Protein backbone atom coordinates (compact mmCIF):
# COMPACT_ATOMS: atom_id res chain seq x y z
CA MET A 1 0.00 0.00 0.00
CA THR A 2 1.25 3.48 -0.87
CA LYS A 3 0.03 6.87 0.29
CA GLY A 4 -1.28 9.49 -2.13
CA ILE A 5 -3.38 12.60 -2.67
CA ASP A 6 -5.49 14.10 -5.44
CA VAL A 7 -5.30 17.81 -6.21
CA SER A 8 -6.63 20.59 -8.41
CA HIS A 9 -6.46 24.38 -8.53
CA TRP A 10 -8.41 24.43 -5.27
CA GLN A 11 -5.18 23.54 -3.44
CA GLY A 12 -3.46 26.66 -4.77
CA ASN A 13 0.33 26.70 -5.04
CA ILE A 14 1.71 23.45 -3.65
CA ASN A 15 5.19 22.91 -2.21
CA TRP A 16 5.74 19.50 -3.77
CA MET A 17 9.08 18.86 -2.08
CA ALA A 18 7.37 19.25 1.29
CA VAL A 19 4.58 16.96 0.11
CA LYS A 20 7.11 14.29 -0.89
CA ASP A 21 8.95 14.67 2.42
CA ASP A 22 5.64 14.12 4.26
CA GLY A 23 5.43 10.60 2.87
CA ILE A 24 3.28 11.10 -0.23
CA ASP A 25 4.25 8.67 -3.00
CA PHE A 26 1.72 9.60 -5.70
CA ALA A 27 -0.73 12.30 -6.75
CA ILE A 28 -3.69 12.20 -9.12
CA ILE A 29 -3.78 15.66 -10.67
CA LYS A 30 -6.84 17.30 -12.22
CA ALA A 31 -6.20 18.00 -15.89
CA GLY A 32 -9.53 19.61 -16.74
CA GLY A 33 -13.15 18.88 -17.34
CA SER A 34 -16.43 19.50 -19.12
CA ASP A 35 -18.53 20.64 -16.17
CA ALA A 36 -18.02 24.36 -16.91
CA GLY A 37 -17.57 24.43 -20.64
CA PHE A 38 -14.42 22.60 -21.73
CA TYR A 39 -11.34 23.68 -19.82
CA LYS A 40 -7.88 22.80 -18.59
CA ASP A 41 -7.36 23.12 -14.84
CA SER A 42 -5.40 26.31 -14.18
CA LYS A 43 -2.82 24.48 -12.03
CA PHE A 44 -2.45 21.34 -14.12
CA GLU A 45 0.81 22.20 -15.87
CA GLN A 46 2.36 23.64 -12.71
CA ASN A 47 1.32 20.67 -10.57
CA TYR A 48 2.53 18.17 -13.13
CA ILE A 49 5.98 19.71 -13.53
CA ASN A 50 6.57 20.37 -9.85
CA ALA A 51 5.29 16.98 -8.67
CA LYS A 52 7.53 15.17 -11.15
CA THR A 53 10.50 17.31 -10.15
CA ALA A 54 9.92 16.39 -6.49
CA GLY A 55 9.81 12.68 -7.33
CA VAL A 56 6.09 12.23 -6.71
CA LYS A 57 4.52 9.72 -9.12
CA VAL A 58 1.56 11.19 -10.98
CA GLY A 59 -1.73 10.26 -12.58
CA ALA A 60 -4.42 12.57 -13.92
CA TYR A 61 -8.19 12.92 -13.97
CA TYR A 62 -10.84 14.62 -16.10
CA PHE A 63 -14.09 15.76 -14.46
CA VAL A 64 -16.96 15.17 -16.87
CA GLY A 65 -20.03 17.41 -16.77
CA LYS A 66 -23.68 16.55 -16.17
CA LEU A 67 -24.36 16.16 -19.91
CA CYS A 68 -21.88 13.31 -20.33
CA LYS A 69 -24.56 10.64 -20.68
CA SER A 70 -23.83 8.66 -23.86
CA TYR A 71 -21.02 6.72 -25.52
CA GLU A 72 -20.43 9.63 -27.87
CA ASP A 73 -20.26 12.13 -25.01
CA GLY A 74 -17.68 10.06 -23.18
CA ALA A 75 -15.62 9.55 -26.31
CA ALA A 76 -15.60 13.28 -27.04
CA ASP A 77 -14.42 14.08 -23.52
CA ALA A 78 -11.68 11.46 -23.85
CA GLU A 79 -10.40 13.16 -26.99
CA ARG A 80 -10.18 16.45 -25.09
CA PHE A 81 -8.38 14.72 -22.22
CA ILE A 82 -5.87 13.12 -24.60
CA ARG A 83 -4.92 16.54 -25.97
CA MET A 84 -4.22 17.77 -22.44
CA LEU A 85 -1.99 14.78 -21.70
CA ALA A 86 0.12 15.03 -24.86
CA GLY A 87 3.85 14.98 -24.29
CA LYS A 88 3.59 13.88 -20.65
CA GLN A 89 4.25 10.65 -18.77
CA PHE A 90 2.06 9.29 -15.98
CA GLU A 91 3.11 6.53 -13.59
CA TYR A 92 -0.46 6.17 -12.35
CA PRO A 93 -3.68 5.70 -14.34
CA VAL A 94 -5.63 8.50 -15.96
CA TYR A 95 -9.25 8.63 -14.85
CA ILE A 96 -12.71 9.74 -15.85
CA ASP A 97 -14.20 11.46 -12.78
CA PHE A 98 -17.88 10.58 -12.90
CA GLU A 99 -19.80 12.60 -10.32
CA ALA A 100 -21.87 15.23 -12.14
CA PRO A 101 -24.39 13.29 -14.32
CA ASP A 102 -27.58 12.45 -12.46
CA CYS A 103 -28.92 8.98 -11.75
CA SER A 104 -31.82 9.07 -14.23
CA ASP A 105 -30.08 7.02 -16.94
CA ARG A 106 -27.63 4.52 -15.48
CA ALA A 107 -27.29 2.76 -18.84
CA GLY A 108 -26.41 5.99 -20.65
CA ASN A 109 -23.99 6.97 -17.89
CA THR A 110 -22.28 3.61 -18.17
CA ASP A 111 -22.10 3.95 -21.95
CA ALA A 112 -20.36 7.30 -21.42
CA CYS A 113 -17.73 5.72 -19.18
CA ILE A 114 -17.16 2.93 -21.69
CA GLY A 115 -16.84 5.40 -24.56
CA PHE A 116 -14.32 7.42 -22.57
CA CYS A 117 -12.30 4.38 -21.57
CA GLU A 118 -12.26 2.78 -25.00
CA ILE A 119 -10.93 5.94 -26.64
CA MET A 120 -8.27 6.32 -23.93
CA GLU A 121 -7.18 2.70 -24.37
CA LYS A 122 -6.95 3.09 -28.14
CA ALA A 123 -4.55 5.97 -27.46
CA ASN A 124 -2.44 3.63 -25.27
CA PHE A 125 -3.44 4.98 -21.87
CA PHE A 126 -4.04 2.97 -18.71
CA VAL A 127 -7.48 4.36 -17.89
CA GLY A 128 -9.72 3.97 -14.86
CA ILE A 129 -12.98 5.27 -13.42
CA TYR A 130 -13.39 7.46 -10.34
CA ALA A 131 -16.71 7.54 -8.48
CA SER A 132 -18.06 7.13 -4.98
CA GLU A 133 -18.90 3.60 -3.92
CA ILE A 134 -22.62 4.22 -3.33
CA SER A 135 -23.76 7.38 -5.16
CA GLY A 136 -21.41 6.63 -8.04
CA PHE A 137 -20.76 3.00 -8.87
CA LYS A 138 -24.06 1.82 -7.34
CA ASP A 139 -26.59 4.61 -8.01
CA ARG A 140 -25.26 6.27 -11.19
CA LEU A 141 -23.66 3.39 -13.05
CA GLU A 142 -24.22 -0.23 -14.04
CA ASP A 143 -20.99 -1.35 -12.47
CA ASP A 144 -21.25 -4.94 -13.67
CA ARG A 145 -20.45 -3.57 -17.13
CA LEU A 146 -17.33 -1.76 -15.90
CA GLN A 147 -15.40 -4.58 -14.26
CA ASP A 148 -12.65 -4.50 -16.88
CA TYR A 149 -11.59 -1.01 -15.77
CA SER A 150 -9.62 -0.14 -12.67
CA HIS A 151 -11.75 1.68 -10.08
CA TRP A 152 -10.67 4.61 -7.92
CA VAL A 153 -13.32 4.50 -5.22
CA ALA A 154 -14.37 7.24 -2.81
CA ARG A 155 -15.75 5.97 0.48
CA TYR A 156 -15.11 7.88 3.70
CA GLY A 157 -15.02 6.08 7.02
CA ARG A 158 -14.35 2.52 5.82
CA LYS A 159 -12.84 0.64 2.92
CA PRO A 160 -15.29 -0.05 0.05
CA ALA A 161 -17.14 -3.30 0.64
CA SER A 162 -19.29 -3.68 -2.49
CA ILE A 163 -16.47 -3.28 -5.06
CA PRO A 164 -14.39 -6.44 -5.62
CA GLU A 165 -10.82 -6.01 -4.40
CA ARG A 166 -9.48 -7.15 -7.76
CA VAL A 167 -11.20 -4.18 -9.39
CA PHE A 168 -10.41 -1.21 -7.20
CA GLY A 169 -6.80 -0.12 -7.07
CA ILE A 170 -7.13 3.18 -5.20
CA TRP A 171 -9.29 4.10 -2.23
CA GLN A 172 -10.03 7.77 -1.56
CA TYR A 173 -10.65 7.61 2.17
CA SER A 174 -10.85 11.28 3.25
CA SER A 175 -11.47 14.77 1.92
CA GLU A 176 -9.99 16.41 5.01
CA GLY A 177 -6.36 15.36 4.95
CA ARG A 178 -3.60 17.70 6.11
CA ILE A 179 -0.24 17.43 4.35
CA ASN A 180 2.87 19.57 4.65
CA GLY A 181 3.23 21.82 1.62
CA ILE A 182 -0.54 22.26 1.10
CA ASN A 183 -2.66 24.93 2.73
CA GLY A 184 -6.03 23.58 3.84
CA ASN A 185 -7.62 20.21 3.30
CA VAL A 186 -6.68 17.72 0.61
CA ASP A 187 -8.18 14.41 -0.53
CA MET A 188 -6.27 11.38 0.76
CA ASP A 189 -5.79 8.10 -1.11
CA GLU A 190 -4.29 4.66 -0.70
CA SER A 191 -3.09 2.57 -3.66
CA TYR A 192 -3.02 -1.22 -3.52
CA VAL A 193 -1.52 -1.82 -6.97
CA ASP A 194 2.02 -1.18 -8.21
CA PHE A 195 0.66 0.85 -11.11
CA ALA A 196 4.01 2.40 -12.00
CA SER A 197 5.62 -0.98 -12.70
CA VAL A 198 2.70 -2.16 -14.84
CA ILE A 199 2.43 1.09 -16.79
CA LYS A 200 6.15 1.39 -17.50
CA ARG A 201 6.57 -2.29 -18.37
CA ARG A 202 3.68 -2.22 -20.84
CA GLY A 203 4.50 1.17 -22.31
CA PHE A 204 1.32 3.00 -21.33
CA ASN A 205 0.78 6.67 -20.47
CA GLY A 206 3.64 8.08 -22.51
CA PHE A 207 6.25 5.49 -21.53
């Protein structure tokens, strides 16, 4: 098990050397999203460069908006994500963050995740899906159709119980972590898979 965080512009300017010295091995960095138009996170480039310089392994995520509810929607967002990731290397997976679409069409939501993931895999990325255990994978999605994709699961208070251990590689266990080098709260994660070895060995994510 390794200790990690996930960050976006909300964390402001991060002292990544201090983060590394506080025992953080990896960080999943927000690249952008489609929840407020189509945008790149204002701290993505800075966080990527400075985390890598400090020796923190990195992954990335893309926050899809509430209208991402079909295969075509997911595929289009994946194409935008791929452009943001160009020229970079990620030791951890790159994720679709699926929180915004409502629960009215679980089949369409699941199609969107599959569209996103299939396009990312065609571009040689190790892709996964981020959602909460209950309101995400259970209420918004048909998770039985998503078992081929690594899950990054949010569940505060206890380890996810309804997601098979072989499927989820990262557990987001708190939104109120305190880490040296970051002002205020930060999401905390634990990884149970040696993603870096798999990704480098198989030549994914820019390697």
